[in-house]
N, C-alpha and C. Protein backbone atom coordinates (compact mmCIF):
# COMPACT_ATOMS: atom_id res chain seq x y z
N MET A 1 99.13 123.41 78.13
CA MET A 1 99.01 123.08 79.55
C MET A 1 97.56 123.27 79.96
N ALA A 2 96.99 122.31 80.66
CA ALA A 2 95.60 122.36 81.10
C ALA A 2 95.46 123.26 82.32
N THR A 3 94.23 123.53 82.69
CA THR A 3 93.96 124.37 83.85
C THR A 3 94.44 123.66 85.11
N PRO A 4 95.22 124.39 85.94
CA PRO A 4 95.73 123.76 87.16
C PRO A 4 94.60 123.42 88.13
N LEU A 5 94.72 122.30 88.75
CA LEU A 5 93.78 121.86 89.77
C LEU A 5 94.46 122.06 91.11
N ALA A 6 93.90 122.88 91.95
CA ALA A 6 94.47 123.17 93.27
C ALA A 6 95.90 123.70 93.14
N GLY A 7 96.15 124.49 92.10
CA GLY A 7 97.45 125.12 91.94
C GLY A 7 98.53 124.21 91.40
N ILE A 8 98.20 122.98 91.04
CA ILE A 8 99.20 122.04 90.51
C ILE A 8 99.03 121.98 89.00
N PRO A 9 100.06 122.37 88.24
CA PRO A 9 99.92 122.33 86.78
C PRO A 9 99.77 120.88 86.28
N ILE A 10 98.93 120.73 85.28
CA ILE A 10 98.70 119.41 84.71
C ILE A 10 99.18 119.44 83.27
N GLU A 11 100.07 118.56 82.94
CA GLU A 11 100.62 118.49 81.59
C GLU A 11 99.62 117.82 80.67
N ASP A 12 99.38 118.44 79.52
CA ASP A 12 98.45 117.88 78.55
C ASP A 12 99.22 116.93 77.64
N VAL A 13 98.94 115.66 77.76
CA VAL A 13 99.62 114.65 76.94
C VAL A 13 98.61 113.90 76.08
N SER A 14 97.50 114.58 75.76
CA SER A 14 96.44 113.91 75.01
C SER A 14 96.88 113.49 73.61
N GLU A 15 97.91 114.12 73.08
CA GLU A 15 98.39 113.78 71.75
C GLU A 15 99.24 112.50 71.76
N GLU A 16 99.81 112.17 72.92
CA GLU A 16 100.65 110.97 72.99
C GLU A 16 99.77 109.74 73.06
N ARG A 17 100.32 108.62 72.61
CA ARG A 17 99.57 107.38 72.62
C ARG A 17 100.21 106.39 73.60
N CYS A 18 99.38 105.62 74.22
CA CYS A 18 99.87 104.57 75.13
C CYS A 18 100.35 103.40 74.27
N VAL A 19 101.53 102.93 74.59
CA VAL A 19 102.07 101.77 73.89
C VAL A 19 101.99 100.59 74.85
N PRO A 20 101.07 99.65 74.60
CA PRO A 20 100.92 98.52 75.52
C PRO A 20 102.20 97.69 75.65
N CYS A 21 102.43 97.26 76.85
CA CYS A 21 103.57 96.37 77.10
C CYS A 21 103.10 95.30 78.08
N SER A 22 103.86 94.28 78.21
CA SER A 22 103.52 93.20 79.13
C SER A 22 103.90 93.62 80.55
N PRO A 23 102.91 93.76 81.46
CA PRO A 23 103.22 94.17 82.81
C PRO A 23 103.80 93.06 83.68
N GLY A 24 103.84 91.85 83.17
CA GLY A 24 104.38 90.74 83.96
C GLY A 24 103.28 89.77 84.35
N LEU A 25 103.63 88.85 85.21
CA LEU A 25 102.70 87.81 85.64
C LEU A 25 101.99 88.21 86.92
N LEU A 26 100.76 87.77 87.07
CA LEU A 26 100.03 87.98 88.30
C LEU A 26 100.56 87.05 89.39
N ILE A 27 100.34 87.42 90.62
CA ILE A 27 100.70 86.57 91.75
C ILE A 27 99.67 85.45 91.82
N ASP A 28 100.11 84.24 92.10
CA ASP A 28 99.23 83.09 92.27
C ASP A 28 98.12 83.43 93.26
N HIS A 29 96.91 82.94 92.99
CA HIS A 29 95.74 83.27 93.81
C HIS A 29 95.95 82.97 95.30
N ASP A 30 96.46 81.79 95.61
CA ASP A 30 96.68 81.44 97.02
C ASP A 30 97.73 82.33 97.66
N GLU A 31 98.79 82.64 96.90
CA GLU A 31 99.84 83.51 97.42
C GLU A 31 99.33 84.91 97.67
N VAL A 32 98.51 85.42 96.75
CA VAL A 32 97.99 86.77 96.91
C VAL A 32 97.04 86.84 98.11
N GLU A 33 96.32 85.78 98.39
CA GLU A 33 95.45 85.74 99.58
C GLU A 33 96.30 85.80 100.85
N THR A 34 97.39 85.03 100.88
CA THR A 34 98.29 85.05 102.03
C THR A 34 98.92 86.42 102.22
N LEU A 35 99.44 86.99 101.13
CA LEU A 35 100.05 88.32 101.19
C LEU A 35 99.06 89.35 101.67
N SER A 36 97.85 89.29 101.16
CA SER A 36 96.81 90.23 101.56
C SER A 36 96.52 90.12 103.06
N ALA A 37 96.42 88.91 103.57
CA ALA A 37 96.17 88.70 105.00
C ALA A 37 97.33 89.25 105.83
N GLN A 38 98.56 89.03 105.37
CA GLN A 38 99.72 89.52 106.11
C GLN A 38 99.77 91.05 106.11
N LEU A 39 99.52 91.65 104.96
CA LEU A 39 99.52 93.11 104.88
C LEU A 39 98.40 93.71 105.71
N LYS A 40 97.23 93.07 105.71
CA LYS A 40 96.12 93.55 106.55
C LYS A 40 96.49 93.44 108.02
N ALA A 41 97.16 92.36 108.38
CA ALA A 41 97.57 92.19 109.78
C ALA A 41 98.53 93.30 110.21
N MET A 42 99.39 93.72 109.32
CA MET A 42 100.35 94.78 109.64
C MET A 42 99.75 96.18 109.55
N ALA A 43 98.60 96.30 108.88
CA ALA A 43 98.01 97.62 108.61
C ALA A 43 97.14 98.11 109.76
N ASP A 44 97.64 97.99 110.96
CA ASP A 44 96.93 98.47 112.14
C ASP A 44 97.96 99.15 113.04
N PRO A 45 97.69 100.35 113.52
CA PRO A 45 98.68 101.06 114.35
C PRO A 45 99.15 100.27 115.57
N THR A 46 98.25 99.61 116.26
CA THR A 46 98.64 98.85 117.45
C THR A 46 99.54 97.68 117.06
N ARG A 47 99.19 96.98 115.99
CA ARG A 47 100.00 95.83 115.57
C ARG A 47 101.37 96.28 115.07
N LEU A 48 101.42 97.41 114.40
CA LEU A 48 102.73 97.94 114.00
C LEU A 48 103.58 98.27 115.22
N GLN A 49 102.95 98.82 116.26
CA GLN A 49 103.67 99.13 117.50
C GLN A 49 104.16 97.84 118.17
N ILE A 50 103.34 96.80 118.14
CA ILE A 50 103.73 95.51 118.72
C ILE A 50 104.97 94.96 118.02
N VAL A 51 104.94 94.94 116.70
CA VAL A 51 106.10 94.44 115.94
C VAL A 51 107.32 95.29 116.23
N HIS A 52 107.13 96.60 116.30
CA HIS A 52 108.24 97.52 116.59
C HIS A 52 108.83 97.25 117.98
N LEU A 53 107.96 97.07 118.98
CA LEU A 53 108.43 96.80 120.34
C LEU A 53 109.19 95.47 120.41
N ILE A 54 108.67 94.45 119.75
CA ILE A 54 109.35 93.16 119.76
C ILE A 54 110.70 93.28 119.06
N ASP A 55 110.75 94.02 117.96
CA ASP A 55 112.00 94.22 117.24
C ASP A 55 113.04 94.92 118.12
N GLN A 56 112.61 95.84 118.95
CA GLN A 56 113.54 96.59 119.80
C GLN A 56 113.92 95.86 121.09
N ALA A 57 113.22 94.80 121.42
CA ALA A 57 113.52 94.07 122.65
C ALA A 57 114.92 93.47 122.57
N PRO A 58 115.71 93.60 123.64
CA PRO A 58 117.09 93.08 123.63
C PRO A 58 117.20 91.61 123.22
N ALA A 59 116.26 90.79 123.67
CA ALA A 59 116.31 89.36 123.35
C ALA A 59 115.53 89.03 122.06
N GLY A 60 114.90 90.03 121.47
CA GLY A 60 114.13 89.80 120.25
C GLY A 60 112.80 89.12 120.50
N GLU A 61 112.35 89.16 121.74
CA GLU A 61 111.06 88.56 122.09
C GLU A 61 110.49 89.31 123.28
N LEU A 62 109.16 89.29 123.37
CA LEU A 62 108.49 89.92 124.51
C LEU A 62 107.34 89.06 124.97
N CYS A 63 107.04 89.18 126.25
CA CYS A 63 105.92 88.50 126.87
C CYS A 63 104.68 89.39 126.71
N VAL A 64 103.52 88.78 126.74
CA VAL A 64 102.28 89.55 126.66
C VAL A 64 102.25 90.63 127.74
N CYS A 65 102.71 90.30 128.92
CA CYS A 65 102.67 91.29 130.02
C CYS A 65 103.53 92.51 129.71
N ASP A 66 104.66 92.33 129.00
CA ASP A 66 105.49 93.46 128.60
C ASP A 66 104.74 94.36 127.63
N LEU A 67 104.01 93.75 126.73
CA LEU A 67 103.29 94.51 125.72
C LEU A 67 102.11 95.26 126.30
N THR A 68 101.37 94.64 127.21
CA THR A 68 100.21 95.32 127.80
C THR A 68 100.65 96.57 128.54
N GLU A 69 101.75 96.47 129.24
CA GLU A 69 102.25 97.63 130.00
C GLU A 69 102.74 98.73 129.05
N SER A 70 103.50 98.36 128.03
CA SER A 70 104.05 99.34 127.10
C SER A 70 102.95 100.04 126.29
N LEU A 71 101.95 99.28 125.87
CA LEU A 71 100.89 99.83 125.03
C LEU A 71 99.76 100.45 125.83
N ASP A 72 99.74 100.21 127.15
CA ASP A 72 98.69 100.68 128.04
C ASP A 72 97.32 100.19 127.55
N LEU A 73 97.29 98.90 127.22
CA LEU A 73 96.06 98.25 126.77
C LEU A 73 95.79 97.03 127.64
N ALA A 74 94.54 96.62 127.68
CA ALA A 74 94.17 95.44 128.45
C ALA A 74 94.75 94.19 127.79
N GLN A 75 95.02 93.18 128.60
CA GLN A 75 95.62 91.94 128.11
C GLN A 75 94.78 91.28 127.01
N PRO A 76 93.44 91.22 127.13
CA PRO A 76 92.67 90.60 126.04
C PRO A 76 92.81 91.34 124.70
N THR A 77 92.93 92.65 124.76
CA THR A 77 93.10 93.44 123.53
C THR A 77 94.44 93.14 122.89
N VAL A 78 95.48 93.12 123.68
CA VAL A 78 96.82 92.82 123.16
C VAL A 78 96.86 91.39 122.63
N SER A 79 96.25 90.47 123.35
CA SER A 79 96.22 89.07 122.90
C SER A 79 95.51 88.92 121.56
N ARG A 80 94.44 89.68 121.36
CA ARG A 80 93.72 89.63 120.08
C ARG A 80 94.62 90.10 118.94
N HIS A 81 95.35 91.19 119.16
CA HIS A 81 96.28 91.68 118.15
C HIS A 81 97.40 90.68 117.88
N LEU A 82 97.92 90.07 118.93
CA LEU A 82 98.97 89.07 118.78
C LEU A 82 98.48 87.85 118.02
N LYS A 83 97.23 87.46 118.27
CA LYS A 83 96.67 86.32 117.56
C LYS A 83 96.57 86.62 116.06
N ILE A 84 96.18 87.82 115.71
CA ILE A 84 96.08 88.21 114.29
C ILE A 84 97.45 88.14 113.63
N LEU A 85 98.47 88.67 114.30
CA LEU A 85 99.83 88.65 113.75
C LEU A 85 100.38 87.22 113.67
N THR A 86 100.07 86.41 114.66
CA THR A 86 100.53 85.03 114.67
C THR A 86 99.82 84.19 113.61
N THR A 87 98.52 84.37 113.48
CA THR A 87 97.74 83.65 112.48
C THR A 87 98.21 84.01 111.07
N ALA A 88 98.62 85.27 110.89
CA ALA A 88 99.13 85.71 109.59
C ALA A 88 100.53 85.17 109.33
N GLY A 89 101.13 84.53 110.34
CA GLY A 89 102.45 83.94 110.18
C GLY A 89 103.60 84.90 110.38
N LEU A 90 103.32 86.08 110.95
CA LEU A 90 104.36 87.10 111.11
C LEU A 90 105.06 87.03 112.46
N LEU A 91 104.41 86.41 113.45
CA LEU A 91 105.03 86.25 114.77
C LEU A 91 105.08 84.78 115.14
N ARG A 92 106.05 84.44 115.96
CA ARG A 92 106.19 83.09 116.52
C ARG A 92 105.74 83.19 117.98
N ARG A 93 104.94 82.24 118.43
CA ARG A 93 104.45 82.21 119.81
C ARG A 93 105.05 81.03 120.53
N GLU A 94 105.57 81.28 121.73
CA GLU A 94 106.13 80.21 122.56
C GLU A 94 105.52 80.31 123.96
N GLN A 95 104.89 79.22 124.38
CA GLN A 95 104.28 79.19 125.70
C GLN A 95 105.33 78.81 126.74
N ARG A 96 105.47 79.62 127.78
CA ARG A 96 106.39 79.34 128.89
C ARG A 96 105.60 79.46 130.19
N GLY A 97 105.17 78.33 130.67
CA GLY A 97 104.34 78.35 131.88
C GLY A 97 103.02 79.04 131.59
N THR A 98 102.72 80.07 132.36
CA THR A 98 101.47 80.80 132.20
C THR A 98 101.52 81.83 131.08
N TRP A 99 102.72 82.26 130.74
CA TRP A 99 102.88 83.38 129.80
C TRP A 99 103.27 82.94 128.40
N ALA A 100 102.80 83.71 127.44
CA ALA A 100 103.17 83.48 126.04
C ALA A 100 104.19 84.55 125.64
N TRP A 101 105.23 84.10 124.96
CA TRP A 101 106.28 84.99 124.48
C TRP A 101 106.22 85.03 122.95
N PHE A 102 106.48 86.20 122.39
CA PHE A 102 106.35 86.39 120.95
C PHE A 102 107.64 86.95 120.37
N SER A 103 107.98 86.43 119.19
CA SER A 103 109.14 86.93 118.45
C SER A 103 108.73 87.06 116.98
N ILE A 104 109.49 87.85 116.26
CA ILE A 104 109.19 88.11 114.85
C ILE A 104 109.71 86.97 113.99
N ARG A 105 108.91 86.56 113.04
CA ARG A 105 109.34 85.56 112.06
C ARG A 105 109.95 86.31 110.88
N TRP A 106 111.25 86.55 110.97
CA TRP A 106 111.94 87.34 109.95
C TRP A 106 111.86 86.69 108.58
N ASP A 107 111.85 85.37 108.55
CA ASP A 107 111.73 84.68 107.26
C ASP A 107 110.40 85.02 106.59
N ALA A 108 109.34 85.13 107.38
CA ALA A 108 108.02 85.45 106.83
C ALA A 108 107.99 86.90 106.33
N LEU A 109 108.61 87.81 107.06
CA LEU A 109 108.66 89.21 106.60
C LEU A 109 109.48 89.35 105.33
N GLN A 110 110.58 88.60 105.25
CA GLN A 110 111.40 88.64 104.03
C GLN A 110 110.63 88.07 102.85
N GLU A 111 109.90 87.00 103.08
CA GLU A 111 109.10 86.39 102.01
C GLU A 111 107.98 87.33 101.58
N LEU A 112 107.38 88.00 102.54
CA LEU A 112 106.33 88.98 102.23
C LEU A 112 106.89 90.07 101.32
N ARG A 113 108.02 90.62 101.66
CA ARG A 113 108.65 91.64 100.83
C ARG A 113 108.99 91.10 99.45
N LYS A 114 109.55 89.92 99.42
CA LYS A 114 109.97 89.31 98.16
C LYS A 114 108.78 89.04 97.24
N GLN A 115 107.68 88.52 97.81
CA GLN A 115 106.51 88.19 97.00
C GLN A 115 105.74 89.44 96.57
N ALA A 116 105.57 90.39 97.49
CA ALA A 116 104.77 91.58 97.20
C ALA A 116 105.53 92.57 96.33
N PHE A 117 106.83 92.68 96.53
CA PHE A 117 107.65 93.67 95.82
C PHE A 117 108.91 93.01 95.27
N PRO A 118 108.77 92.14 94.28
CA PRO A 118 109.90 91.34 93.81
C PRO A 118 111.05 92.15 93.22
N ARG A 119 110.77 93.31 92.68
CA ARG A 119 111.85 94.12 92.11
C ARG A 119 112.68 94.79 93.20
N GLY A 120 112.06 95.04 94.32
CA GLY A 120 112.75 95.62 95.46
C GLY A 120 113.39 96.95 95.18
N ILE A 121 114.35 97.29 95.97
CA ILE A 121 115.03 98.59 95.89
C ILE A 121 115.93 98.69 94.66
N ASP A 122 116.43 97.57 94.19
CA ASP A 122 117.37 97.57 93.08
C ASP A 122 116.86 98.32 91.85
N CYS A 123 115.56 98.31 91.62
CA CYS A 123 115.00 98.90 90.41
C CYS A 123 114.37 100.27 90.66
N SER A 124 114.53 100.82 91.84
CA SER A 124 113.96 102.13 92.12
C SER A 124 114.59 103.18 91.20
N PRO A 125 113.77 104.03 90.57
CA PRO A 125 114.31 105.04 89.67
C PRO A 125 114.97 106.19 90.42
N TYR A 126 114.88 106.23 91.73
CA TYR A 126 115.41 107.36 92.50
C TYR A 126 116.65 106.99 93.28
C-alpha cells in the first residue's frame, strides 16, 4: 500500500498490467459539437433555474415576464439566457402579441441524453 494522500489510502497496482480493449466509437464531429453547445447552455445556474421553473409551470410554459419576476433579474438578462437555451434547441419559443412564451423541448433533452450517455441507467454498476 502506498503512502496515503490526504488520509486516503492508495492501492498499489503497479504490478498489474492494462489490457487494452475497444472503448467503442467516437461521436460524429457535428453531433459532438451540438451536444457540447447544449451541455454548455445548460451549464449555467440561471439557465438551469429557467428550465426548472418552466418544468414546474402548470401549463409547461412561461412568459418572459414570469421568469424575470421569479429570478429577480432584468428582462434583457433573462432574454439573453432564453436565447442561449433556444439557440441550443432546448426550448421552444412562441410569440403571443408582445410577449414570448417558452416551453421545454423534451425531444431535444431526450436526444441529448441518448447521444451523450447511450448506455444510460441500464448499465450502471450500482
